[in-house]
C-alpha atoms as a PDB file:
ATOM      1  CA  MET A   1      35.992 109.354-147.805  1.00  0.00           C
ATOM      2  CA  GLU A   2      33.731 108.304-150.684  1.00  0.00           C
ATOM      3  CA  TRP A   3      30.472 109.458-149.056  1.00  0.00           C
ATOM      4  CA  VAL A   4      31.928 112.812-148.368  1.00  0.00           C
ATOM      5  CA  ARG A   5      32.924 113.226-151.961  1.00  0.00           C
ATOM      6  CA  ILE A   6      29.473 112.121-153.179  1.00  0.00           C
ATOM      7  CA  LEU A   7      27.736 114.532-150.726  1.00  0.00           C
ATOM      8  CA  ALA A   8      29.916 117.423-151.855  1.00  0.00           C
ATOM      9  CA  SER A   9      29.177 116.635-155.512  1.00  0.00           C
ATOM     10  CA  ARG A  10      25.441 116.587-154.885  1.00  0.00           C
ATOM     11  CA  LEU A  11      25.546 119.884-153.008  1.00  0.00           C
ATOM     12  CA  LEU A  12      27.476 121.527-155.802  1.00  0.00           C
ATOM     13  CA  GLY A  13      24.895 120.079-158.223  1.00  0.00           C
ATOM     14  CA  ILE A  14      22.187 122.156-156.576  1.00  0.00           C
ATOM     15  CA  PHE A  15      24.011 125.451-157.310  1.00  0.00           C
ATOM     16  CA  ARG A  16      25.193 124.451-160.827  1.00  0.00           C
ATOM     17  CA  LYS A  17      21.807 123.150-161.974  1.00  0.00           C
ATOM     18  CA  ARG A  18      21.533 125.314-165.155  1.00  0.00           C
ATOM     19  CA  ASN A  19      25.052 124.434-166.392  1.00  0.00           C
ATOM     20  CA  LEU A  20      24.565 120.750-165.651  1.00  0.00           C
ATOM     21  CA  GLU A  21      21.261 120.711-167.551  1.00  0.00           C
ATOM     22  CA  THR A  22      22.989 122.260-170.548  1.00  0.00           C
ATOM     23  CA  ASP A  23      25.781 119.652-170.374  1.00  0.00           C
ATOM     24  CA  LEU A  24      23.207 116.887-170.025  1.00  0.00           C
ATOM     25  CA  ASP A  25      21.287 117.976-173.167  1.00  0.00           C
ATOM     26  CA  ALA A  26      24.569 118.246-175.118  1.00  0.00           C
ATOM     27  CA  GLU A  27      25.660 114.778-173.997  1.00  0.00           C
ATOM     28  CA  LEU A  28      22.300 113.155-174.857  1.00  0.00           C
ATOM     29  CA  ARG A  29      22.306 114.799-178.328  1.00  0.00           C
ATOM     30  CA  ALA A  30      25.830 113.459-178.941  1.00  0.00           C
ATOM     31  CA  HIS A  31      24.658 109.895-178.027  1.00  0.00           C
ATOM     32  CA  MET A  32      21.597 110.210-180.273  1.00  0.00           C
ATOM     33  CA  ASP A  33      23.643 111.539-183.214  1.00  0.00           C
ATOM     34  CA  ALA A  34      26.196 108.659-182.854  1.00  0.00           C
ATOM     35  CA  LEU A  35      23.428 106.036-182.880  1.00  0.00           C
ATOM     36  CA  THR A  36      21.732 107.694-185.824  1.00  0.00           C
ATOM     37  CA  GLU A  37      24.956 107.738-187.871  1.00  0.00           C
ATOM     38  CA  GLU A  38      25.541 104.052-187.026  1.00  0.00           C
ATOM     39  CA  ASN A  39      22.056 103.169-188.219  1.00  0.00           C
ATOM     40  CA  ILE A  40      22.573 105.143-191.454  1.00  0.00           C
ATOM     41  CA  ARG A  41      25.738 103.176-192.101  1.00  0.00           C
ATOM     42  CA  ARG A  42      23.646 100.004-191.737  1.00  0.00           C
ATOM     43  CA  GLY A  43      21.529 101.182-194.685  1.00  0.00           C
ATOM     44  CA  MET A  44      18.673 103.090-193.091  1.00  0.00           C
ATOM     45  CA  ASN A  45      17.533 106.460-194.238  1.00  0.00           C
ATOM     46  CA  GLU A  46      17.905 109.372-191.830  1.00  0.00           C
ATOM     47  CA  GLN A  47      14.352 109.332-190.439  1.00  0.00           C
ATOM     48  CA  GLU A  48      14.328 105.593-189.862  1.00  0.00           C
ATOM     49  CA  ALA A  49      17.836 105.771-188.350  1.00  0.00           C
ATOM     50  CA  ARG A  50      16.713 108.532-185.872  1.00  0.00           C
ATOM     51  CA  HIS A  51      13.579 106.546-184.772  1.00  0.00           C
ATOM     52  CA  ALA A  52      15.643 103.447-184.384  1.00  0.00           C
ATOM     53  CA  ALA A  53      18.237 105.349-182.291  1.00  0.00           C
ATOM     54  CA  ARG A  54      15.452 106.664-179.984  1.00  0.00           C
ATOM     55  CA  ARG A  55      14.068 103.158-179.526  1.00  0.00           C
ATOM     56  CA  GLU A  56      17.532 101.745-178.770  1.00  0.00           C
ATOM     57  CA  PHE A  57      18.493 104.633-176.422  1.00  0.00           C
ATOM     58  CA  GLY A  58      15.219 104.697-174.423  1.00  0.00           C
ATOM     59  CA  GLY A  59      13.079 107.648-173.259  1.00  0.00           C
ATOM     60  CA  LEU A  60      15.073 110.902-173.004  1.00  0.00           C
ATOM     61  CA  GLU A  61      12.994 112.366-170.168  1.00  0.00           C
ATOM     62  CA  GLN A  62      13.358 109.139-168.057  1.00  0.00           C
ATOM     63  CA  THR A  63      17.113 109.233-168.626  1.00  0.00           C
ATOM     64  CA  LYS A  64      17.229 112.892-167.530  1.00  0.00           C
ATOM     65  CA  GLU A  65      15.242 112.174-164.359  1.00  0.00           C
ATOM     66  CA  SER A  66      17.506 109.253-163.488  1.00  0.00           C
ATOM     67  CA  TYR A  67      20.560 111.492-163.942  1.00  0.00           C
ATOM     68  CA  ARG A  68      19.059 114.286-161.851  1.00  0.00           C
ATOM     69  CA  GLU A  69      18.437 111.912-158.950  1.00  0.00           C
ATOM     70  CA  GLN A  70      22.067 110.945-158.924  1.00  0.00           C
ATOM     71  CA  ARG A  71      23.311 114.513-159.462  1.00  0.00           C
ATOM     72  CA  GLY A  72      21.681 116.549-156.705  1.00  0.00           C
ATOM     73  CA  LEU A  73      19.513 116.197-153.493  1.00  0.00           C
ATOM     74  CA  PRO A  74      16.061 115.144-154.822  1.00  0.00           C
ATOM     75  CA  PHE A  75      14.314 115.470-151.483  1.00  0.00           C
ATOM     76  CA  PHE A  76      15.253 119.176-151.051  1.00  0.00           C
ATOM     77  CA  GLU A  77      14.589 119.984-154.671  1.00  0.00           C
ATOM     78  CA  THR A  78      11.081 118.435-154.446  1.00  0.00           C
ATOM     79  CA  LEU A  79      10.477 120.247-151.210  1.00  0.00           C
ATOM     80  CA  ALA A  80      11.409 123.565-152.831  1.00  0.00           C
ATOM     81  CA  GLN A  81       9.146 122.868-155.758  1.00  0.00           C
ATOM     82  CA  ASP A  82       6.245 122.018-153.366  1.00  0.00           C
ATOM     83  CA  LEU A  83       6.855 125.238-151.411  1.00  0.00           C
ATOM     84  CA  ARG A  84       6.835 127.371-154.538  1.00  0.00           C
ATOM     85  CA  TYR A  85       3.582 125.690-155.612  1.00  0.00           C
ATOM     86  CA  ALA A  86       1.983 126.254-152.199  1.00  0.00           C
ATOM     87  CA  LEU A  87       2.978 129.927-152.217  1.00  0.00           C
ATOM     88  CA  ARG A  88       1.477 130.421-155.689  1.00  0.00           C
ATOM     89  CA  MET A  89      -1.786 128.827-154.507  1.00  0.00           C
ATOM     90  CA  LEU A  90      -1.841 131.056-151.341  1.00  0.00           C
ATOM     91  CA  VAL A  91      -1.294 134.181-153.351  1.00  0.00           C
ATOM     92  CA  LYS A  92      -4.062 133.094-155.759  1.00  0.00           C
ATOM     93  CA  ASN A  93      -6.612 132.620-152.878  1.00  0.00           C
ATOM     94  CA  PRO A  94      -6.117 135.472-150.413  1.00  0.00           C
ATOM     95  CA  GLY A  95      -9.262 134.693-148.371  1.00  0.00           C
ATOM     96  CA  PHE A  96      -8.227 131.084-147.767  1.00  0.00           C
ATOM     97  CA  THR A  97      -4.735 132.355-147.010  1.00  0.00           C
ATOM     98  CA  ALA A  98      -5.946 134.779-144.368  1.00  0.00           C
ATOM     99  CA  VAL A  99      -8.018 132.108-142.587  1.00  0.00           C
ATOM    100  CA  THR A 100      -5.135 129.629-142.707  1.00  0.00           C
ATOM    101  CA  VAL A 101      -2.574 132.057-141.330  1.00  0.00           C
ATOM    102  CA  LEU A 102      -4.968 133.209-138.577  1.00  0.00           C
ATOM    103  CA  THR A 103      -5.777 129.632-137.513  1.00  0.00           C
ATOM    104  CA  LEU A 104      -2.044 128.745-137.423  1.00  0.00           C
ATOM    105  CA  ALA A 105      -1.233 131.911-135.449  1.00  0.00           C
ATOM    106  CA  LEU A 106      -3.941 131.156-132.893  1.00  0.00           C
ATOM    107  CA  GLY A 107      -2.869 127.542-132.534  1.00  0.00           C
ATOM    108  CA  ILE A 108       0.864 128.366-132.216  1.00  0.00           C
ATOM    109  CA  GLY A 109       0.047 131.156-129.737  1.00  0.00           C
ATOM    110  CA  ALA A 110      -2.110 129.000-127.565  1.00  0.00           C
ATOM    111  CA  ASN A 111       0.471 126.161-127.479  1.00  0.00           C
ATOM    112  CA  THR A 112       3.249 128.623-126.734  1.00  0.00           C
ATOM    113  CA  GLY A 113       1.300 130.121-123.827  1.00  0.00           C
ATOM    114  CA  LEU A 114       0.353 126.696-122.450  1.00  0.00           C
ATOM    115  CA  PHE A 115       3.986 125.457-122.661  1.00  0.00           C
ATOM    116  CA  SER A 116       5.212 128.654-120.977  1.00  0.00           C
ATOM    117  CA  LEU A 117       2.822 128.101-118.095  1.00  0.00           C
ATOM    118  CA  VAL A 118       3.691 124.369-117.734  1.00  0.00           C
ATOM    119  CA  ASN A 119       7.376 125.204-117.980  1.00  0.00           C
ATOM    120  CA  SER A 120       7.232 127.897-115.313  1.00  0.00           C
ATOM    121  CA  VAL A 121       4.972 126.015-112.886  1.00  0.00           C
ATOM    122  CA  LEU A 122       6.067 122.318-113.359  1.00  0.00           C
ATOM    123  CA  LEU A 123       9.339 122.237-115.167  1.00  0.00           C
ATOM    124  CA  GLY A 124      11.214 125.395-114.212  1.00  0.00           C
ATOM    125  CA  ASN A 125      13.387 125.824-111.126  1.00  0.00           C
ATOM    126  CA  LEU A 126      12.812 128.360-108.403  1.00  0.00           C
ATOM    127  CA  PRO A 127      14.889 131.518-108.936  1.00  0.00           C
ATOM    128  CA  VAL A 128      16.890 131.031-105.755  1.00  0.00           C
ATOM    129  CA  ARG A 129      20.319 129.764-104.837  1.00  0.00           C
ATOM    130  CA  ASN A 130      20.704 125.957-105.270  1.00  0.00           C
ATOM    131  CA  PRO A 131      16.979 125.250-105.883  1.00  0.00           C
ATOM    132  CA  GLU A 132      17.668 121.493-106.202  1.00  0.00           C
ATOM    133  CA  GLU A 133      18.617 121.409-102.517  1.00  0.00           C
ATOM    134  CA  LEU A 134      15.300 122.733-101.302  1.00  0.00           C
ATOM    135  CA  VAL A 135      12.863 120.360 -99.536  1.00  0.00           C
ATOM    136  CA  VAL A 136       9.412 120.738 -97.955  1.00  0.00           C
ATOM    137  CA  ILE A 137       9.126 119.244 -94.423  1.00  0.00           C
ATOM    138  CA  LYS A 138       5.918 117.328 -93.892  1.00  0.00           C
ATOM    139  CA  TYR A 139       4.456 115.008 -91.240  1.00  0.00           C
ATOM    140  CA  THR A 140       1.713 112.372 -91.014  1.00  0.00           C
ATOM    141  CA  ASP A 141      -1.072 112.966 -88.492  1.00  0.00           C
ATOM    142  CA  SER A 142      -1.278 109.851 -86.238  1.00  0.00           C
ATOM    143  CA  ARG A 143      -5.019 110.033 -85.971  1.00  0.00           C
ATOM    144  CA  SER A 144      -6.189 110.914 -89.510  1.00  0.00           C
ATOM    145  CA  GLN A 145      -3.111 109.550 -91.283  1.00  0.00           C
ATOM    146  CA  ASP A 146      -3.200 112.757 -93.444  1.00  0.00           C
ATOM    147  CA  THR A 147       0.012 114.292 -94.625  1.00  0.00           C
ATOM    148  CA  GLU A 148       0.341 117.848 -93.220  1.00  0.00           C
ATOM    149  CA  GLU A 149       2.848 120.646 -93.837  1.00  0.00           C
ATOM    150  CA  ASP A 150       1.487 123.240 -91.398  1.00  0.00           C
ATOM    151  CA  PHE A 151       3.411 123.619 -88.201  1.00  0.00           C
ATOM    152  CA  SER A 152       2.979 125.812 -85.106  1.00  0.00           C
ATOM    153  CA  TYR A 153       5.647 128.408 -84.581  1.00  0.00           C
ATOM    154  CA  PRO A 154       7.125 126.562 -81.475  1.00  0.00           C
ATOM    155  CA  MET A 155       7.461 123.425 -83.638  1.00  0.00           C
ATOM    156  CA  TYR A 156       9.236 125.480 -86.272  1.00  0.00           C
ATOM    157  CA  GLN A 157      11.565 126.967 -83.686  1.00  0.00           C
ATOM    158  CA  ALA A 158      12.400 123.504 -82.347  1.00  0.00           C
ATOM    159  CA  MET A 159      13.188 122.205 -85.817  1.00  0.00           C
ATOM    160  CA  ARG A 160      15.275 125.239 -86.679  1.00  0.00           C
ATOM    161  CA  ASP A 161      17.274 125.228 -83.375  1.00  0.00           C
ATOM    162  CA  LYS A 162      17.804 121.443 -83.064  1.00  0.00           C
ATOM    163  CA  ASN A 163      18.328 120.782 -86.773  1.00  0.00           C
ATOM    164  CA  THR A 164      21.345 118.672 -87.605  1.00  0.00           C
ATOM    165  CA  VAL A 165      20.390 117.665 -91.189  1.00  0.00           C
ATOM    166  CA  PHE A 166      19.642 120.818 -93.201  1.00  0.00           C
ATOM    167  CA  ALA A 167      21.727 123.873 -93.678  1.00  0.00           C
ATOM    168  CA  ASN A 168      18.773 126.009 -92.511  1.00  0.00           C
ATOM    169  CA  VAL A 169      15.073 125.795 -91.886  1.00  0.00           C
ATOM    170  CA  LEU A 170      12.765 128.618 -92.894  1.00  0.00           C
ATOM    171  CA  THR A 171       9.010 129.142 -92.668  1.00  0.00           C
ATOM    172  CA  ARG A 172       6.362 131.274 -94.397  1.00  0.00           C
ATOM    173  CA  SER A 173       2.615 131.795 -94.298  1.00  0.00           C
ATOM    174  CA  GLY A 174       0.155 133.545 -96.552  1.00  0.00           C
ATOM    175  CA  VAL A 175      -1.837 136.585 -95.461  1.00  0.00           C
ATOM    176  CA  ASP A 176      -3.972 139.263 -97.124  1.00  0.00           C
ATOM    177  CA  PHE A 177      -3.335 142.973 -96.622  1.00  0.00           C
ATOM    178  CA  ASN A 178      -5.364 146.086 -97.105  1.00  0.00           C
ATOM    179  CA  ALA A 179      -2.532 148.268 -98.344  1.00  0.00           C
ATOM    180  CA  SER A 180      -2.875 152.090 -98.273  1.00  0.00           C
ATOM    181  CA  TYR A 181      -0.545 154.743 -99.527  1.00  0.00           C
ATOM    182  CA  GLY A 182      -1.124 158.291-100.812  1.00  0.00           C
ATOM    183  CA  GLY A 183      -4.753 158.141 -99.947  1.00  0.00           C
ATOM    184  CA  GLN A 184      -5.385 155.045-102.089  1.00  0.00           C
ATOM    185  CA  SER A 185      -6.205 151.561-100.702  1.00  0.00           C
ATOM    186  CA  GLU A 186      -6.182 148.184-102.381  1.00  0.00           C
ATOM    187  CA  ARG A 187      -6.054 144.508-101.620  1.00  0.00           C
ATOM    188  CA  ALA A 188      -2.548 143.015-101.670  1.00  0.00           C
ATOM    189  CA  VAL A 189      -1.334 139.470-101.448  1.00  0.00           C
ATOM    190  CA  GLY A 190       1.024 139.116 -98.524  1.00  0.00           C
ATOM    191  CA  GLU A 191       3.352 136.700 -96.849  1.00  0.00           C
ATOM    192  CA  ILE A 192       4.757 136.422 -93.332  1.00  0.00           C
ATOM    193  CA  VAL A 193       8.258 135.059 -93.429  1.00  0.00           C
ATOM    194  CA  SER A 194      10.857 134.044 -90.930  1.00  0.00           C
ATOM    195  CA  GLY A 195      13.991 136.177 -90.337  1.00  0.00           C
ATOM    196  CA  ASN A 196      16.207 133.698 -92.197  1.00  0.00           C
ATOM    197  CA  TYR A 197      13.878 133.488 -95.275  1.00  0.00           C
ATOM    198  CA  PHE A 198      15.820 135.548 -97.690  1.00  0.00           C
ATOM    199  CA  GLU A 199      19.207 134.533 -96.274  1.00  0.00           C
ATOM    200  CA  THR A 200      18.403 130.792 -96.732  1.00  0.00           C
ATOM    201  CA  LEU A 201      17.160 131.344-100.257  1.00  0.00           C
ATOM    202  CA  GLY A 202      20.217 133.433-101.163  1.00  0.00           C
ATOM    203  CA  VAL A 203      18.194 136.354-102.418  1.00  0.00           C
ATOM    204  CA  GLN A 204      19.899 139.777-102.827  1.00  0.00           C
ATOM    205  CA  PRO A 205      17.850 143.023-102.703  1.00  0.00           C
ATOM    206  CA  LEU A 206      17.254 145.184-105.761  1.00  0.00           C
ATOM    207  CA  LEU A 207      16.926 148.275-103.458  1.00  0.00           C
ATOM    208  CA  GLY A 208      17.457 148.668 -99.736  1.00  0.00           C
ATOM    209  CA  ARG A 209      17.770 145.550 -97.696  1.00  0.00           C
ATOM    210  CA  LEU A 210      15.681 142.442 -96.996  1.00  0.00           C
ATOM    211  CA  ILE A 211      14.164 140.992 -93.845  1.00  0.00           C
ATOM    212  CA  GLY A 212      16.857 139.493 -91.588  1.00  0.00           C
ATOM    213  CA  PRO A 213      17.025 137.738 -88.232  1.00  0.00           C
ATOM    214  CA  GLU A 214      17.251 141.155 -86.455  1.00  0.00           C
ATOM    215  CA  ASP A 215      13.712 141.892 -87.794  1.00  0.00           C
ATOM    216  CA  ASP A 216      12.209 138.717 -86.309  1.00  0.00           C
ATOM    217  CA  ARG A 217      12.927 138.649 -82.576  1.00  0.00           C
ATOM    218  CA  THR A 218      10.165 140.432 -80.616  1.00  0.00           C
ATOM    219  CA  PRO A 219       6.453 139.899 -81.367  1.00  0.00           C
ATOM    220  CA  GLY A 220       4.920 143.013 -82.874  1.00  0.00           C
ATOM    221  CA  ALA A 221       8.106 145.065 -82.522  1.00  0.00           C
ATOM    222  CA  HIS A 222       9.345 145.013 -86.194  1.00  0.00           C
ATOM    223  CA  PRO A 223       6.973 147.030 -88.397  1.00  0.00           C
ATOM    224  CA  VAL A 224       8.956 146.589 -91.647  1.00  0.00           C
ATOM    225  CA  ALA A 225       8.049 145.198 -95.035  1.00  0.00           C
ATOM    226  CA  VAL A 226       9.683 144.211 -98.323  1.00  0.00           C
ATOM    227  CA  LEU A 227       7.904 144.749-101.614  1.00  0.00           C
ATOM    228  CA  SER A 228       8.076 142.478-104.657  1.00  0.00           C
ATOM    229  CA  TYR A 229       9.510 143.976-107.828  1.00  0.00           C
ATOM    230  CA  GLY A 230       6.222 143.645-109.716  1.00  0.00           C
ATOM    231  CA  TYR A 231       4.124 145.325-106.968  1.00  0.00           C
ATOM    232  CA  TRP A 232       6.763 148.104-106.679  1.00  0.00           C
ATOM    233  CA  GLN A 233       6.452 148.728-110.383  1.00  0.00           C
ATOM    234  CA  ARG A 234       2.674 148.546-110.547  1.00  0.00           C
ATOM    235  CA  ARG A 235       1.755 150.361-107.347  1.00  0.00           C
ATOM    236  CA  PHE A 236       4.593 152.823-106.865  1.00  0.00           C
ATOM    237  CA  GLY A 237       5.758 153.364-110.434  1.00  0.00           C
ATOM    238  CA  SER A 238       9.282 152.077-109.735  1.00  0.00           C
ATOM    239  CA  ASP A 239       9.847 154.999-107.334  1.00  0.00           C
ATOM    240  CA  PRO A 240      13.115 154.248-105.518  1.00  0.00           C
ATOM    241  CA  THR A 241      12.253 156.751-102.763  1.00  0.00           C
ATOM    242  CA  ILE A 242       9.564 154.438-101.460  1.00  0.00           C
ATOM    243  CA  VAL A 243      12.295 152.659 -99.552  1.00  0.00           C
ATOM    244  CA  GLY A 244      12.339 154.157 -96.104  1.00  0.00           C
ATOM    245  CA  ARG A 245       8.791 155.450 -96.257  1.00  0.00           C
ATOM    246  CA  ALA A 246       5.758 154.056 -94.431  1.00  0.00           C
ATOM    247  CA  ILE A 247       2.754 152.399 -95.942  1.00  0.00           C
ATOM    248  CA  ILE A 248      -0.463 151.404 -94.134  1.00  0.00           C
ATOM    249  CA  LEU A 249      -1.209 147.632 -93.856  1.00  0.00           C
ATOM    250  CA  ASN A 250      -4.495 146.817 -92.225  1.00  0.00           C
ATOM    251  CA  ASN A 251      -4.372 150.168 -90.378  1.00  0.00           C
ATOM    252  CA  ASN A 252      -0.784 149.602 -89.171  1.00  0.00           C
ATOM    253  CA  PRO A 253       2.067 151.851 -90.377  1.00  0.00           C
ATOM    254  CA  ILE A 254       4.777 149.691 -91.808  1.00  0.00           C
ATOM    255  CA  ARG A 255       8.146 150.937 -93.113  1.00  0.00           C
ATOM    256  CA  VAL A 256       9.350 149.650 -96.443  1.00  0.00           C
ATOM    257  CA  ILE A 257      12.985 148.521 -96.157  1.00  0.00           C
ATOM    258  CA  GLY A 258      13.655 146.990 -99.590  1.00  0.00           C
ATOM    259  CA  ILE A 259      12.630 145.599-102.988  1.00  0.00           C
ATOM    260  CA  THR A 260      13.130 142.027-104.116  1.00  0.00           C
ATOM    261  CA  PRO A 261      14.852 141.367-107.508  1.00  0.00           C
ATOM    262  CA  PRO A 262      12.721 141.048-110.682  1.00  0.00           C
ATOM    263  CA  ARG A 263      12.860 137.215-111.086  1.00  0.00           C
ATOM    264  CA  PHE A 264      12.201 136.327-107.447  1.00  0.00           C
ATOM    265  CA  TYR A 265       8.593 135.351-106.577  1.00  0.00           C
ATOM    266  CA  GLY A 266       9.076 133.148-103.534  1.00  0.00           C
ATOM    267  CA  THR A 267       8.924 129.373-102.894  1.00  0.00           C
ATOM    268  CA  GLU A 268       5.620 128.722-104.787  1.00  0.00           C
ATOM    269  CA  MET A 269       5.686 129.113-108.562  1.00  0.00           C
ATOM    270  CA  ALA A 270       1.903 129.812-108.792  1.00  0.00           C
ATOM    271  CA  ARG A 271       1.894 132.508-106.058  1.00  0.00           C
ATOM    272  CA  ASN A 272       3.775 135.789-106.064  1.00  0.00           C
ATOM    273  CA  PRO A 273       3.148 137.777-102.869  1.00  0.00           C
ATOM    274  CA  ASP A 274       3.201 141.565-103.169  1.00  0.00           C
ATOM    275  CA  ILE A 275       4.387 142.300 -99.649  1.00  0.00           C
ATOM    276  CA  ARG A 276       6.385 140.360 -97.105  1.00  0.00           C
ATOM    277  CA  VAL A 277       6.618 141.105 -93.345  1.00  0.00           C
ATOM    278  CA  PRO A 278       8.536 139.404 -90.542  1.00  0.00           C
ATOM    279  CA  MET A 279       7.020 136.407 -88.785  1.00  0.00           C
ATOM    280  CA  MET A 280       6.991 138.271 -85.463  1.00  0.00           C
ATOM    281  CA  MET A 281       4.398 140.591 -86.964  1.00  0.00           C
ATOM    282  CA  ALA A 282       1.893 137.754 -87.101  1.00  0.00           C
ATOM    283  CA  THR A 283       0.612 138.981 -83.716  1.00  0.00           C
ATOM    284  CA  VAL A 284      -0.428 142.221 -85.421  1.00  0.00           C
ATOM    285  CA  PHE A 285      -1.894 140.818 -88.688  1.00  0.00           C
ATOM    286  CA  ARG A 286      -3.508 137.671 -87.311  1.00  0.00           C
ATOM    287  CA  ARG A 287      -5.526 138.546 -84.248  1.00  0.00           C
ATOM    288  CA  LEU A 288      -8.507 136.660 -82.824  1.00  0.00           C
ATOM    289  CA  LEU A 289     -11.521 137.029 -85.149  1.00  0.00           C
ATOM    290  CA  GLY A 290      -9.297 138.668 -87.746  1.00  0.00           C
ATOM    291  CA  THR A 291     -11.528 137.668 -90.527  1.00  0.00           C
ATOM    292  CA  MET A 292     -14.683 139.004 -88.764  1.00  0.00           C
ATOM    293  CA  LEU A 293     -13.137 142.209 -87.390  1.00  0.00           C
ATOM    294  CA  TYR A 294     -11.117 143.142 -90.498  1.00  0.00           C
ATOM    295  CA  GLU A 295      -9.266 146.398 -90.035  1.00  0.00           C
ATOM    296  CA  VAL A 296     -10.146 146.604 -86.256  1.00  0.00           C
ATOM    297  CA  ARG A 297      -7.200 147.384 -83.969  1.00  0.00           C
ATOM    298  CA  SER A 298      -7.113 146.040 -80.444  1.00  0.00           C
ATOM    299  CA  ALA A 299      -6.030 149.491 -79.232  1.00  0.00           C
ATOM    300  CA  ASP A 300      -9.455 150.871 -80.190  1.00  0.00           C
ATOM    301  CA  PRO A 301     -11.597 150.565 -77.002  1.00  0.00           C
ATOM    302  CA  LEU A 302     -14.892 150.991 -78.804  1.00  0.00           C
ATOM    303  CA  ALA A 303     -14.069 148.222 -81.284  1.00  0.00           C
ATOM    304  CA  PHE A 304     -12.802 146.012 -78.485  1.00  0.00           C
ATOM    305  CA  ALA A 305     -16.018 146.510 -76.437  1.00  0.00           C
ATOM    306  CA  GLY A 306     -18.102 145.793 -79.589  1.00  0.00           C
ATOM    307  CA  ALA A 307     -16.243 142.566 -80.146  1.00  0.00           C
ATOM    308  CA  CYS A 308     -16.777 141.515 -76.563  1.00  0.00           C
ATOM    309  CA  PHE A 309     -20.500 142.337 -76.806  1.00  0.00           C
ATOM    310  CA  LEU A 310     -20.780 140.304 -80.019  1.00  0.00           C
ATOM    311  CA  LEU A 311     -19.161 137.314 -78.395  1.00  0.00           C
ATOM    312  CA  GLY A 312     -21.464 137.661 -75.403  1.00  0.00           C
ATOM    313  CA  VAL A 313     -24.578 137.684 -77.647  1.00  0.00           C
ATOM    314  CA  VAL A 314     -23.366 134.584 -79.499  1.00  0.00           C
ATOM    315  CA  ALA A 315     -22.637 132.716 -76.276  1.00  0.00           C
ATOM    316  CA  GLY A 316     -25.994 133.695 -74.762  1.00  0.00           C
ATOM    317  CA  VAL A 317     -27.918 132.474 -77.820  1.00  0.00           C
ATOM    318  CA  ALA A 318     -25.961 129.257 -77.921  1.00  0.00           C
ATOM    319  CA  ALA A 319     -26.843 128.640 -74.254  1.00  0.00           C
ATOM    320  CA  TYR A 320     -30.466 129.796 -74.427  1.00  0.00           C
ATOM    321  CA  LEU A 321     -31.679 127.661 -77.368  1.00  0.00           C
ATOM    322  CA  PRO A 322     -30.854 124.180 -75.910  1.00  0.00           C
ATOM    323  CA  ALA A 323     -32.295 125.258 -72.497  1.00  0.00           C
ATOM    324  CA  GLN A 324     -35.497 126.454 -74.114  1.00  0.00           C
ATOM    325  CA  ARG A 325     -35.937 123.208 -75.994  1.00  0.00           C
ATOM    326  CA  ALA A 326     -35.358 121.220 -72.771  1.00  0.00           C
ATOM    327  CA  THR A 327     -38.259 122.989 -70.982  1.00  0.00           C
ATOM    328  CA  GLN A 328     -40.667 121.893 -73.760  1.00  0.00           C
ATOM    329  CA  VAL A 329     -39.952 118.136 -73.317  1.00  0.00           C
ATOM    330  CA  ASP A 330     -42.100 115.988 -71.040  1.00  0.00           C
ATOM    331  CA  PRO A 331     -39.634 114.141 -68.761  1.00  0.00           C
ATOM    332  CA  VAL A 332     -41.913 111.085 -68.560  1.00  0.00           C
ATOM    333  CA  VAL A 333     -42.047 110.805 -72.377  1.00  0.00           C
ATOM    334  CA  ALA A 334     -38.311 111.334 -72.562  1.00  0.00           C
ATOM    335  CA  LEU A 335     -37.660 108.524 -70.034  1.00  0.00           C
ATOM    336  CA  ARG A 336     -40.137 106.200 -71.904  1.00  0.00           C
ATOM    337  CA  TYR A 337     -38.073 106.651 -75.097  1.00  0.00           C
ATOM    338  CA  GLU A 338     -34.820 106.089 -73.231  1.00  0.00           C
END
């Protein structure tokens, strides 16, 4: 094809630039000499004949530029010249160069970080099996008309057992832990998950095993936990022997049974829990007044008595204040305003 031949010729012209320039100069001199000889034969002297030949032939530089545009790829040649000029200017002004490079580096770094965040939170898929098939079940409150996605556990059980639409139905809930091991305690982000959580998401353990249906049958009877890969690295130094050992969560000994794979962080991209326990352990980690009596166990009689006393004091004050105010009101005045 003609355009292929022209493109190939132009590409070759880029690499044979020096030879082509030599050939161009030789060809232009030959044309000038031929015109000069013709003018001499017409009766002009050599100097007049050469001037007349130049006027007749036209500008040599303009002719060369026109030939170069047809010979190579002018855009890339001009771009290369601009780049060489820019580099010379940058080398000549090192202060300006340093400021420019630093500004570009900061701008590129900020944009890269922002795009990585947006990509992971908004654009990326969850690192689970068939993420495009996952849905979040919600309902509309008939009174407030608000859309809710929080269900009681009996409602979840009913949806799971009577489900005829989905392959499976799982549930999860966030919780905070006070995790202790080796005499050191720290706050850890936790999650209480149903027994089919990992099975439904198609997650395989890095070490040990993950929470299964057998760990989610009897309330408070399954003191096991699964650690995230990041928490396992940061808190336990990637020690594989932690699997099978017990850690203390909110004063409760919990046995570690497995480690999740590196890329798994759960069903929310912006939240990566450190520790996961079975849903049946919610009776242990979410007791009445759990936020007020943090780290208090119901088996402790003194703590339990203290909690009862506190509730009694609150109830007494709540009943005393309205009664006290009622004794200070004149019934006749009250009826008059009624």
